[in-house]
Protein backbone atom coordinates (compact mmCIF):
# COMPACT_ATOMS: atom_id res chain seq x y z
CA MET A 1 41.52 123.79 121.70
CA ALA A 2 38.09 124.59 123.07
CA ARG A 3 36.09 127.32 121.31
CA VAL A 4 34.71 130.20 123.35
CA SER A 5 31.76 132.39 122.42
CA LYS A 6 32.76 135.95 121.57
CA TYR A 7 30.01 137.18 123.89
CA GLN A 8 31.35 135.24 126.88
CA THR A 9 33.79 136.92 129.23
CA VAL A 10 36.75 134.69 129.94
CA ASN A 11 38.79 135.14 133.09
CA THR A 12 42.41 134.45 132.18
CA ALA A 13 43.85 135.74 135.45
CA PHE A 14 45.68 133.22 137.62
CA PRO A 15 43.98 132.20 140.84
CA ALA A 16 45.70 132.85 144.12
CA ILE A 17 49.04 131.06 144.34
CA LEU A 18 48.16 127.39 144.47
CA SER A 19 49.53 125.15 147.13
CA GLU A 20 50.49 122.68 144.44
CA TRP A 21 51.10 123.05 140.71
CA ARG A 22 50.88 119.94 138.52
CA ALA A 23 53.79 120.51 136.18
CA GLY A 24 54.79 119.02 132.84
CA LEU A 25 58.52 119.25 132.17
CA TYR A 26 58.98 119.83 128.45
CA ILE A 27 62.34 118.90 126.87
CA ARG A 28 63.28 119.21 123.21
CA LEU A 29 66.39 118.64 121.10
CA SER A 30 66.57 118.77 117.31
CA ARG A 31 69.34 116.20 116.86
CA GLU A 32 70.34 113.02 118.67
CA ASP A 33 73.84 112.44 119.99
CA GLY A 34 75.32 109.41 118.28
CA ASP A 35 74.16 105.99 119.41
CA LYS A 36 73.03 106.96 122.93
CA VAL A 37 69.46 106.01 123.76
CA GLU A 38 68.87 109.47 125.16
CA SER A 39 70.77 112.58 124.08
CA GLU A 40 73.30 114.18 126.40
CA SER A 41 71.52 117.50 126.03
CA VAL A 42 68.21 115.89 126.92
CA SER A 43 69.80 114.46 130.05
CA SER A 44 71.24 117.84 131.00
CA GLN A 45 67.87 119.54 130.45
CA ARG A 46 66.17 116.90 132.60
CA ALA A 47 68.72 117.39 135.40
CA MET A 48 68.34 121.20 135.28
CA LEU A 49 64.54 121.07 135.41
CA GLU A 50 64.54 118.50 138.22
CA GLN A 51 66.95 120.66 140.21
CA PHE A 52 64.65 123.67 139.69
CA THR A 53 61.46 121.83 140.72
CA SER A 54 63.15 120.28 143.76
CA ALA A 55 63.71 123.81 145.06
CA CYS A 56 59.99 124.66 144.58
CA PRO A 57 57.85 122.78 147.12
CA ASP A 58 54.64 124.02 145.47
CA ILE A 59 55.44 122.29 142.15
CA PHE A 60 54.62 118.61 141.65
CA VAL A 61 56.12 116.96 138.52
CA TYR A 62 53.22 115.20 136.84
CA ASP A 63 55.06 113.94 133.72
CA TYR A 64 57.99 114.43 131.35
CA TYR A 65 57.34 115.39 127.73
CA ILE A 66 60.45 114.74 125.64
CA ASP A 67 60.78 115.43 121.89
CA ASP A 68 64.27 114.14 121.15
CA GLY A 69 65.27 114.71 117.53
CA TRP A 70 62.40 117.07 116.63
CA SER A 71 62.76 120.51 115.07
CA GLY A 72 61.44 123.56 116.90
CA THR A 73 60.23 125.24 113.70
CA ASP A 74 56.74 123.81 114.14
CA PHE A 75 54.70 122.43 117.04
CA ASP A 76 53.54 119.22 115.40
CA ARG A 77 55.67 117.13 117.77
CA PRO A 78 54.35 113.97 119.44
CA SER A 79 55.24 114.81 123.05
CA PHE A 80 54.19 118.44 122.69
CA GLN A 81 50.79 117.37 121.35
CA ARG A 82 50.46 114.89 124.23
CA MET A 83 51.22 117.73 126.64
CA LEU A 84 48.51 119.89 125.02
CA ALA A 85 46.03 117.04 125.45
CA ASP A 86 46.91 116.85 129.16
CA ILE A 87 46.45 120.63 129.44
CA THR A 88 42.97 120.56 127.88
CA SER A 89 41.98 117.63 130.12
CA LYS A 90 43.33 119.63 133.11
CA LYS A 91 45.85 116.99 134.14
CA ILE A 92 48.56 119.64 134.25
CA ASN A 93 48.41 123.37 134.81
CA CYS A 94 52.09 124.27 134.61
CA VAL A 95 54.66 123.96 131.80
CA ILE A 96 58.37 124.26 132.56
CA VAL A 97 61.15 124.47 129.94
CA LYS A 98 64.86 125.19 130.07
CA ASP A 99 64.50 128.31 127.89
CA LEU A 100 62.28 129.74 125.14
CA SER A 101 64.32 128.08 122.34
CA ARG A 102 63.49 124.61 123.80
CA PHE A 103 59.80 125.51 123.74
CA GLY A 104 59.93 126.39 120.01
CA ARG A 105 61.66 128.39 117.30
CA ASN A 106 58.61 129.56 115.40
CA TYR A 107 57.93 133.17 116.39
CA VAL A 108 54.24 133.21 115.38
CA GLU A 109 53.30 129.83 116.87
CA ALA A 110 55.27 130.37 120.09
CA GLY A 111 53.53 133.71 120.60
CA LYS A 112 50.13 132.10 120.05
CA TYR A 113 50.68 129.53 122.81
CA LEU A 114 52.29 131.95 125.29
CA GLU A 115 49.88 134.84 124.77
CA THR A 116 46.58 133.05 124.00
CA VAL A 117 46.42 129.31 124.68
CA PHE A 118 48.18 129.11 128.04
CA PRO A 119 46.39 132.14 129.56
CA LEU A 120 43.06 130.77 128.32
CA PHE A 121 43.60 127.49 130.19
CA LYS A 122 45.25 129.24 133.17
CA VAL A 123 48.51 127.41 132.60
CA ARG A 124 51.58 128.65 134.42
CA PHE A 125 54.60 128.92 132.08
CA ILE A 126 58.20 128.89 133.35
CA ALA A 127 61.38 129.30 131.28
CA VAL A 128 64.17 128.73 133.81
CA ASN A 129 67.19 130.28 132.08
CA ASP A 130 65.16 133.24 130.75
CA ASN A 131 63.77 134.05 134.24
CA ILE A 132 60.18 133.89 132.99
CA ASP A 133 57.36 132.85 135.32
CA SER A 134 53.84 133.84 134.38
CA ALA A 135 52.50 133.24 137.91
CA THR A 136 55.05 134.74 140.30
CA ASN A 137 56.29 137.40 137.87
CA PRO A 138 53.56 138.22 135.30
CA GLN A 139 55.60 141.19 134.07
CA SER A 140 58.24 138.78 132.75
CA MET A 141 55.67 137.46 130.26
CA ASN A 142 54.58 140.93 129.14
CA ASN A 143 58.13 142.18 128.70
CA VAL A 144 59.21 143.06 125.15
CA ILE A 145 62.18 140.76 125.60
CA VAL A 146 59.95 137.65 125.20
CA PRO A 147 58.78 138.28 121.60
CA PHE A 148 62.26 139.62 120.81
CA LYS A 149 63.85 136.35 121.96
CA ASN A 150 61.29 134.38 119.97
CA ILE A 151 62.19 136.38 116.87
CA MET A 152 65.89 135.71 117.45
CA ASN A 153 65.21 131.99 117.90
CA ASP A 154 63.20 131.99 114.66
CA GLU A 155 65.98 133.86 112.82
CA TYR A 156 68.58 131.40 114.12
CA CYS A 157 66.63 128.53 112.55
CA ARG A 158 66.30 130.35 109.22
CA ASP A 159 70.05 131.11 109.15
CA ILE A 160 70.97 127.51 109.98
CA SER A 161 68.59 126.26 107.27
CA ILE A 162 70.25 128.45 104.61
CA LYS A 163 73.73 127.35 105.67
CA VAL A 164 72.80 123.66 105.70
CA ARG A 165 71.18 123.87 102.24
CA SER A 166 74.22 125.64 100.82
CA ALA A 167 76.60 123.08 102.34
CA LEU A 168 74.55 120.20 100.93
CA ASP A 169 74.50 121.78 97.46
CA VAL A 170 78.30 122.12 97.53
CA ARG A 171 78.66 118.42 98.35
CA ARG A 172 76.18 117.47 95.64
CA LYS A 173 78.16 119.47 93.06
CA GLN A 174 81.27 117.60 94.14
CA GLY A 175 79.54 114.36 93.10
CA LYS A 176 78.95 113.14 96.64
CA PHE A 177 75.80 111.16 97.34
CA ILE A 178 73.52 112.95 99.81
CA GLY A 179 70.66 110.73 100.83
CA SER A 180 69.37 108.42 103.51
CA PHE A 181 69.20 105.37 101.24
CA ALA A 182 71.02 104.42 98.06
CA ALA A 183 68.94 103.73 94.95
CA TYR A 184 67.90 100.13 94.32
CA GLY A 185 70.89 98.32 92.81
CA TYR A 186 73.45 100.30 94.83
CA GLU A 187 74.58 100.58 98.41
CA LYS A 188 76.69 103.09 100.32
CA ASP A 189 80.40 102.39 100.42
CA LYS A 190 81.24 101.24 103.95
CA SER A 191 84.39 103.38 103.99
CA ASP A 192 82.71 106.45 102.45
CA HIS A 193 78.95 106.91 102.84
CA ASN A 194 78.95 109.65 100.19
CA LYS A 195 80.02 107.14 97.53
CA LEU A 196 77.90 104.45 95.86
CA VAL A 197 78.99 100.90 95.03
CA ILE A 198 77.03 98.22 93.18
CA ASP A 199 74.84 95.87 95.20
CA GLU A 200 75.20 92.91 92.85
CA GLU A 201 72.15 91.05 94.19
CA ALA A 202 69.81 93.92 93.30
CA ALA A 203 71.84 94.96 90.22
CA ILE A 204 71.06 91.61 88.55
CA LEU A 205 67.36 92.44 88.75
CA VAL A 206 67.90 96.00 87.47
CA ARG A 207 69.69 94.61 84.39
CA SER A 208 66.87 92.12 83.91
CA ILE A 209 64.25 94.90 83.99
CA PHE A 210 66.08 96.86 81.27
CA GLU A 211 66.59 93.74 79.14
CA LYS A 212 62.93 92.75 79.37
CA PHE A 213 61.75 96.25 78.47
CA LEU A 214 64.09 96.47 75.47
CA SER A 215 62.96 93.03 74.29
CA GLY A 216 59.35 94.20 74.12
CA HIS A 217 57.79 93.60 77.54
CA SER A 218 55.48 96.34 78.78
CA ILE A 219 56.16 98.05 82.11
CA LEU A 220 53.00 96.62 83.66
CA SER A 221 53.84 93.08 82.54
CA ILE A 222 57.32 93.38 84.10
CA ALA A 223 55.77 94.46 87.42
CA ARG A 224 53.27 91.60 87.29
CA GLU A 225 55.99 89.04 86.55
CA LEU A 226 58.12 90.26 89.48
CA ASN A 227 55.13 90.01 91.82
CA ALA A 228 54.29 86.53 90.51
CA ARG A 229 57.86 85.41 91.24
CA GLY A 230 57.62 86.84 94.75
CA VAL A 231 60.51 89.26 94.24
CA PRO A 232 60.51 91.88 97.05
CA ASN A 233 60.11 95.44 95.83
CA PRO A 234 62.88 98.02 96.53
CA SER A 235 61.51 99.19 99.90
CA SER A 236 60.97 95.62 101.13
CA TYR A 237 64.44 94.67 99.92
CA LYS A 238 65.99 97.57 101.87
CA ASN A 239 64.04 96.61 104.98
CA SER A 240 65.32 93.03 104.65
CA LYS A 241 68.85 94.45 104.66
CA GLY A 242 68.14 96.19 107.97
CA LEU A 243 67.92 99.71 106.51
CA ASN A 244 64.46 100.46 107.99
CA CYS A 245 63.10 102.21 104.92
CA ASN A 246 59.72 102.67 106.70
CA ARG A 247 57.72 102.33 103.50
CA SER A 248 54.69 100.07 103.38
CA GLY A 249 53.78 97.68 100.61
CA ALA A 250 55.64 94.67 99.30
CA LEU A 251 54.43 94.66 95.68
CA TRP A 252 55.95 96.03 92.52
CA CYS A 253 53.90 98.56 90.57
CA ASP A 254 54.35 100.16 87.15
CA ALA A 255 55.53 103.43 88.74
CA THR A 256 58.39 101.62 90.51
CA VAL A 257 59.53 99.93 87.28
CA ARG A 258 59.32 103.19 85.33
CA ARG A 259 61.33 104.99 88.04
CA ILE A 260 64.12 102.44 87.59
CA LEU A 261 64.00 102.69 83.78
CA THR A 262 64.33 106.51 83.87
CA ASN A 263 66.94 106.89 86.62
CA GLU A 264 70.32 108.11 85.31
CA ILE A 265 72.01 106.70 88.39
CA TYR A 266 72.25 103.37 86.55
CA ILE A 267 74.65 104.84 83.94
CA GLY A 268 76.94 106.33 86.60
CA ASN A 269 75.36 109.80 86.90
CA LEU A 270 74.10 111.41 90.10
CA VAL A 271 71.04 113.62 89.70
CA GLN A 272 70.24 115.10 93.10
CA LYS A 273 68.02 117.79 94.61
CA LYS A 274 64.95 116.51 92.79
CA ASN A 275 62.83 117.74 95.73
CA GLU A 276 63.32 120.34 98.45
CA THR A 277 61.39 121.53 101.48
CA VAL A 278 59.19 124.60 101.04
CA SER A 279 60.90 126.43 103.93
CA HIS A 280 62.47 125.80 107.32
CA LYS A 281 59.00 126.20 108.86
CA ILE A 282 56.96 124.20 106.34
CA HIS A 283 58.33 120.66 106.22
CA LEU A 284 56.67 119.72 102.95
CA SER A 285 58.56 118.75 99.81
CA LYS A 286 58.12 120.39 96.43
CA PRO A 287 59.60 119.17 93.12
CA VAL A 288 62.61 121.02 91.70
CA SER A 289 62.61 121.87 87.99
CA GLU A 290 64.92 119.89 85.67
CA GLN A 291 67.30 122.81 85.06
CA ASP A 292 67.75 123.48 88.79
CA ARG A 293 68.65 119.92 89.73
CA ILE A 294 72.30 119.10 90.41
CA LYS A 295 73.73 116.56 87.98
CA VAL A 296 77.26 115.15 88.05
CA GLN A 297 78.37 112.52 85.54
CA GLY A 298 80.61 109.51 86.15
CA THR A 299 80.46 109.49 89.94
CA HIS A 300 80.19 105.70 90.31
CA GLU A 301 80.28 102.44 88.39
CA PRO A 302 77.32 102.04 85.99
CA ILE A 303 74.99 99.04 85.95
CA ILE A 304 73.50 99.76 82.51
CA SER A 305 75.37 100.84 79.36
CA LYS A 306 74.66 104.36 78.11
CA GLU A 307 73.55 102.96 74.76
CA ASP A 308 70.88 100.72 76.34
CA PHE A 309 69.73 103.54 78.61
CA GLU A 310 69.26 105.91 75.66
CA LYS A 311 67.34 103.23 73.75
CA THR A 312 65.11 102.81 76.80
CA GLN A 313 64.39 106.55 77.03
CA SER A 314 63.59 106.64 73.31
CA LEU A 315 61.10 103.78 73.71
CA LEU A 316 59.51 105.36 76.79
CA ARG A 317 58.72 108.48 74.76
CA ARG A 318 56.78 106.42 72.24
CA ASP A 319 53.13 105.45 72.41
CA THR A 320 53.37 101.78 73.41
CA ARG A 321 50.07 101.12 75.10
CA THR A 322 48.86 97.54 75.21
CA SER A 323 45.61 95.85 76.06
CA PRO A 324 45.30 94.63 79.68
CA ASN A 325 45.78 90.97 78.68
CA GLN A 326 48.70 91.61 76.35
CA GLY A 327 51.93 91.25 78.35
CA LYS A 328 54.39 91.75 75.50
CA LEU A 329 54.46 94.62 73.04
CA SER A 330 54.15 93.96 69.33
CA VAL A 331 57.27 94.26 67.18
CA PHE A 332 56.23 97.67 65.79
CA ALA A 333 54.60 99.17 68.91
CA GLY A 334 55.43 102.87 69.08
CA PHE A 335 57.14 102.90 65.66
CA LEU A 336 54.16 102.61 63.29
CA LYS A 337 52.44 105.86 62.31
CA CYS A 338 49.89 107.16 59.84
CA ALA A 339 51.63 109.03 57.01
CA ASP A 340 48.87 111.66 56.83
CA CYS A 341 47.89 112.56 60.42
CA GLY A 342 51.08 111.31 62.09
CA ARG A 343 49.20 109.47 64.84
CA ALA A 344 50.02 105.94 65.95
CA MET A 345 48.55 102.94 64.16
CA GLN A 346 46.47 100.63 66.34
CA LYS A 347 46.73 96.86 66.19
CA ARG A 348 43.52 94.90 65.74
CA THR A 349 42.86 91.16 65.59
CA VAL A 350 40.32 89.51 63.31
CA LYS A 351 39.15 86.01 64.21
CA GLN A 352 37.60 83.91 61.47
CA PRO A 353 36.47 80.27 61.55
CA TYR A 354 39.60 78.97 59.87
CA LYS A 355 42.24 81.61 60.63
CA THR A 356 43.12 84.60 62.75
CA TYR A 357 45.14 87.55 61.51
CA ASP A 358 46.30 90.93 62.82
CA TYR A 359 46.19 94.25 61.05
CA TYR A 360 47.01 97.89 61.78
CA VAL A 361 44.68 100.84 61.31
CA CYS A 362 45.01 104.61 61.89
CA SER A 363 44.01 105.48 65.47
CA THR A 364 42.54 108.81 64.34
CA HIS A 365 40.22 107.02 61.93
CA LYS A 366 39.12 104.64 64.68
CA LYS A 367 38.08 107.57 66.88
CA LEU A 368 36.57 109.80 64.16
CA LYS A 369 36.17 108.37 60.67
CA SER A 370 35.91 111.79 59.01
CA ALA A 371 39.23 112.97 60.50
CA CYS A 372 41.44 110.53 58.59
CA THR A 373 41.25 107.47 56.35
CA LYS A 374 42.01 103.87 57.39
CA HIS A 375 45.59 103.48 56.14
CA GLN A 376 45.01 99.81 56.88
CA ILE A 377 47.70 97.13 56.45
CA ARG A 378 48.02 93.50 57.49
CA ALA A 379 50.64 92.77 60.15
CA ASP A 380 52.19 89.79 58.35
CA LEU A 381 52.55 91.72 55.07
CA LEU A 382 54.07 94.68 56.88
CA GLU A 383 56.56 92.50 58.73
CA ALA A 384 57.60 90.75 55.51
CA ALA A 385 58.06 94.08 53.69
CA VAL A 386 60.14 95.61 56.50
CA LEU A 387 62.25 92.45 56.76
CA GLU A 388 62.93 92.53 53.02
CA ALA A 389 63.84 96.24 53.13
CA LEU A 390 66.22 95.75 56.05
CA ASN A 391 67.91 92.82 54.32
CA GLY A 392 68.40 95.09 51.33
CA TYR A 393 70.15 97.67 53.51
CA ILE A 394 72.22 94.92 55.11
CA THR A 395 73.37 93.75 51.67
CA LEU A 396 74.13 97.36 50.76
CA ALA A 397 76.17 97.76 53.93
CA VAL A 398 78.21 94.64 53.13
CA ASP A 399 78.82 95.87 49.58
CA PHE A 400 79.80 99.29 50.91
CA ASP A 401 82.26 97.65 53.26
CA GLU A 402 83.98 95.73 50.48
CA VAL A 403 84.13 98.73 48.15
CA LEU A 404 85.36 101.07 50.86
CA LYS A 405 88.10 98.68 51.90
CA LYS A 406 89.47 98.90 48.38
CA MET A 407 89.05 102.67 48.41
CA SER A 408 90.84 102.90 51.78
CA GLU A 409 93.80 101.01 50.36
CA ALA A 410 93.88 103.37 47.38
CA GLU A 411 93.65 106.34 49.72
CA LYS A 412 96.60 105.07 51.71
CA LYS A 413 98.63 104.81 48.54
CA SER A 414 97.59 108.22 47.27
CA GLY A 415 97.81 109.77 50.77
CA ILE A 416 94.78 112.04 50.29
CA GLU A 417 94.33 112.82 53.98
CA LEU A 418 98.08 113.33 54.46
CA ARG A 419 98.17 115.64 51.44
CA LEU A 420 95.22 117.69 52.76
CA GLN A 421 96.82 117.98 56.20
CA THR A 422 100.21 118.96 54.74
CA GLU A 423 98.66 121.67 52.55
CA LEU A 424 96.70 122.99 55.52
CA ASN A 425 99.82 123.17 57.72
CA ALA A 426 101.72 125.03 54.96
CA LYS A 427 98.95 127.63 54.67
CA ARG A 428 98.89 128.13 58.43
CA LYS A 429 102.64 128.76 58.47
CA GLU A 430 102.30 131.23 55.61
CA LEU A 431 99.52 133.06 57.46
CA GLU A 432 101.67 133.23 60.59
CA LYS A 433 104.50 134.69 58.52
CA SER A 434 102.19 137.38 57.05
CA HIS A 435 101.00 138.35 60.55
CA LYS A 436 104.63 138.66 61.70
CA ILE A 437 105.55 140.89 58.76
CA LEU A 438 102.50 143.09 59.43
CA ALA A 439 103.51 143.37 63.10
CA ASP A 440 107.05 144.51 62.08
CA LEU A 441 105.97 147.05 59.42
CA TYR A 442 104.85 149.82 61.77
CA PRO A 443 108.04 149.83 63.92
CA ASP A 444 110.12 149.97 60.70
CA TYR A 445 108.03 152.87 59.47
CA LYS A 446 108.40 154.79 62.76
CA CYS A 447 112.15 154.16 62.77
CA GLY A 448 112.51 155.47 59.21
CA VAL A 449 113.56 152.12 57.70
CA ILE A 450 110.71 152.43 55.15
CA GLY A 451 108.84 155.45 53.91
CA LYS A 452 105.20 156.31 54.40
CA GLU A 453 104.11 155.35 50.88
CA GLN A 454 106.01 152.04 50.97
CA TYR A 455 104.55 151.28 54.41
CA PHE A 456 100.94 151.62 53.21
CA LEU A 457 101.62 149.59 50.05
CA LEU A 458 103.21 146.74 51.99
CA LYS A 459 100.49 146.90 54.67
CA GLU A 460 97.72 146.57 52.07
CA LYS A 461 99.57 143.75 50.28
CA TYR A 462 100.07 141.56 53.35
CA GLU A 463 96.63 142.28 54.77
CA ASN A 464 95.02 141.09 51.52
CA ALA A 465 97.28 138.05 51.52
CA ALA A 466 96.28 137.27 55.13
CA VAL A 467 92.56 137.48 54.26
CA LYS A 468 93.01 135.08 51.31
CA LEU A 469 95.09 132.68 53.38
CA GLN A 470 92.51 132.66 56.19
CA ALA A 471 89.76 131.82 53.68
CA ALA A 472 91.94 129.08 52.15
CA ILE A 473 92.64 127.61 55.61
CA GLU A 474 88.93 127.53 56.50
CA GLU A 475 88.18 125.79 53.19
CA GLY A 476 91.00 123.29 53.80
CA GLU A 477 89.70 122.56 57.31
CA ARG A 478 86.21 121.94 55.92
CA GLU A 479 87.55 119.61 53.24
CA LEU A 480 89.63 117.64 55.75
CA LYS A 481 86.69 117.45 58.15
CA ASN A 482 84.32 116.26 55.41
CA HIS A 483 86.85 113.62 54.40
CA LYS A 484 87.06 112.31 57.98
CA ASN A 485 83.31 112.58 58.56
CA GLY A 486 82.66 110.66 55.37
CA ALA A 487 84.72 107.77 56.68
CA GLU A 488 83.08 107.93 60.12
CA GLY A 489 79.58 108.11 58.65
CA ARG A 490 80.08 105.18 56.34
CA ASN A 491 81.60 103.12 59.17
CA GLY A 492 78.65 103.86 61.47
CA PHE A 493 76.19 102.72 58.83
CA ILE A 494 78.19 99.61 57.94
CA GLU A 495 78.83 98.45 61.50
CA THR A 496 75.18 98.94 62.47
CA PHE A 497 73.82 96.77 59.65
CA LYS A 498 76.60 94.23 59.08
CA LYS A 499 75.98 92.46 62.38
CA TYR A 500 72.48 91.49 61.20
CA ARG A 501 73.70 89.72 58.05
CA GLY A 502 71.40 86.81 57.17
CA LEU A 503 68.43 88.31 59.04
CA LYS A 504 65.44 85.94 58.92
CA THR A 505 63.20 87.03 61.78
CA LEU A 506 62.19 90.52 62.79
CA THR A 507 62.50 91.18 66.54
CA ARG A 508 61.74 94.23 68.65
CA GLU A 509 65.44 94.65 69.52
CA ILE A 510 66.26 94.97 65.79
CA VAL A 511 63.42 97.41 65.17
CA THR A 512 64.50 99.50 68.17
CA GLU A 513 68.12 99.73 66.99
CA LEU A 514 67.63 100.26 63.24
CA ILE A 515 64.28 102.01 62.70
CA GLU A 516 63.21 105.53 63.66
CA ASN A 517 59.63 105.37 62.33
CA ILE A 518 57.48 103.48 59.82
CA TYR A 519 54.83 105.50 57.96
CA ILE A 520 51.85 103.84 56.30
CA HIS A 521 50.28 105.66 53.34
CA GLU A 522 46.65 105.33 52.26
CA ASN A 523 47.61 103.37 49.12
CA GLY A 524 49.44 100.79 51.26
CA GLU A 525 52.90 102.21 50.54
CA ILE A 526 55.38 101.71 53.38
CA GLU A 527 57.86 104.49 54.16
CA LEU A 528 60.79 103.25 56.26
CA CYS A 529 62.85 105.85 58.16
CA LEU A 530 66.15 104.51 59.45
CA LYS A 531 67.96 105.83 62.52
CA CYS A 532 71.27 105.92 60.63
CA ARG A 533 69.88 107.58 57.51
CA ASN A 534 72.33 110.47 57.91
CA GLU A 535 75.27 108.06 58.02
CA LEU A 536 73.87 106.30 54.95
CA SER A 537 73.62 109.60 53.08
CA ASN A 538 77.16 110.55 54.13
CA ALA A 539 78.48 107.22 52.91
CA GLU A 540 76.70 107.55 49.57
CA ARG A 541 77.94 111.12 49.08
CA TYR A 542 81.44 110.10 50.05
CA MET A 543 81.48 107.21 47.59
CA LYS A 544 80.10 109.41 44.81
CA LYS A 545 82.75 112.02 45.48
CA ARG A 546 85.56 109.47 45.48
CA THR A 547 84.18 107.88 42.30
CA ASP A 548 84.07 111.29 40.58
CA GLU A 549 87.64 112.03 41.72
CA GLU A 550 88.87 108.70 40.40
CA GLY A 551 87.14 109.34 37.07
CA THR A 552 88.79 112.77 36.82
CA GLU A 553 92.20 111.27 37.61
CA ARG A 554 91.75 108.59 34.92
CA LYS A 555 90.85 111.25 32.34
CA GLU A 556 93.94 113.27 33.25
CA ASP A 557 96.12 110.16 32.98
CA THR A 558 94.62 109.40 29.54
CA ARG A 559 95.33 112.94 28.32
CA ALA A 560 98.88 112.75 29.62
């Protein structure tokens, strides 16, 4: 819009009624009707405006400006902007709409154009159904009804926006997919577009990405490999399927790979409402906080197992940076830490005339030597030590398994768990009986069956008994739970390590599954923290307890 000096007087009055007005017919609809090229409502608006102009010999239709499928909450619409350009270039001097709501539903912006822009350019404005004509009836423009109608149109949009958002949230909470395009690896069910089914062609690649990452490939190296193979990225793949994703670029990048690796949709969960528009007037998206997103589990068939997905998230939280030329991560990347400062150990390579070897050094020391000491260790020695330690745990797991099988057979014969459960049930029945007696005491006392003194004595007796029984039941429940947890803990430890019997080579998959962290001390000591250390401790405590119980039983048998 042209700028005018504040010292210049501008004549905004209309000239004498022109013999011919060059009119632009403006038509807008916020939603299209089905598969028709042009909406029914657009056609009806066109017919109405043509009928109106045909009855006005002084109006010449210069052009049609149609925004079909555009919201009226802002004026950044292609045909409206084209009409403004024609106004400023003086190609048209009259704008005709069906009513004020077709012109726009933003109270502030609509008022700006009607009260400032159009008068400044001497543009005649006509709203047919609202009986507004700024040239033949100037009072119709100055009437209070115009801003009032604009406010009502604005309020209508706000109300619709709230209702639509609420309806969409309800459907999201029901586990229905609300989105234009399904995530890569899935497609919309043809019979129900709110349900996802696996797109096997893309799902194969999703599985491959997870497998490569878990086997030690960096995110960037995965993206580079996909580009080298000429694999189309998700947006290009969708476009090839005729979905018209309208996203440019045909290359994979690290952000795309990471988005796949962190998306819970691949384990059957729908996490929706990650972004939302600022308001019905400002069509910009803003991120929604984690706690406010809508998550529903088990809505569709998973592509990745939950176990592999959790391993992936654990690895993503670790510091696994690599050099630009290093495509695959080292075996210990993200797991090796300095025992003193807790920072990651950095891998370095030393090249000598006759040999090349790798070693790890504290990253803090590399940055500032006074902040921490080297904690240096050779990679081959570390790998050998960790391999030996893991084989020791594997042997221990196998031994545990054999011993516990014998103990399980003995337990079946002695019926320890059955005995504990039977005792617990008996105590519960006794407690129930005490509560029943206490409930009957007061009616007996009121009816004169027992006296006052006897009532209080019996009440105190059974209340004390109930307190002792409740404590005994809680203790019995704890003992039974510990017995079961001991078996579960030992089984978890055994099953995790037994499958690696005869381990000869250390791989990243093994490190990821078995090891939580490896700490390197200044004296070269290696501290290995296992993921299943709690299960190991439970198994050891359980075996010690059972051994002590067997020793006690043997002593009692000897005395007898």
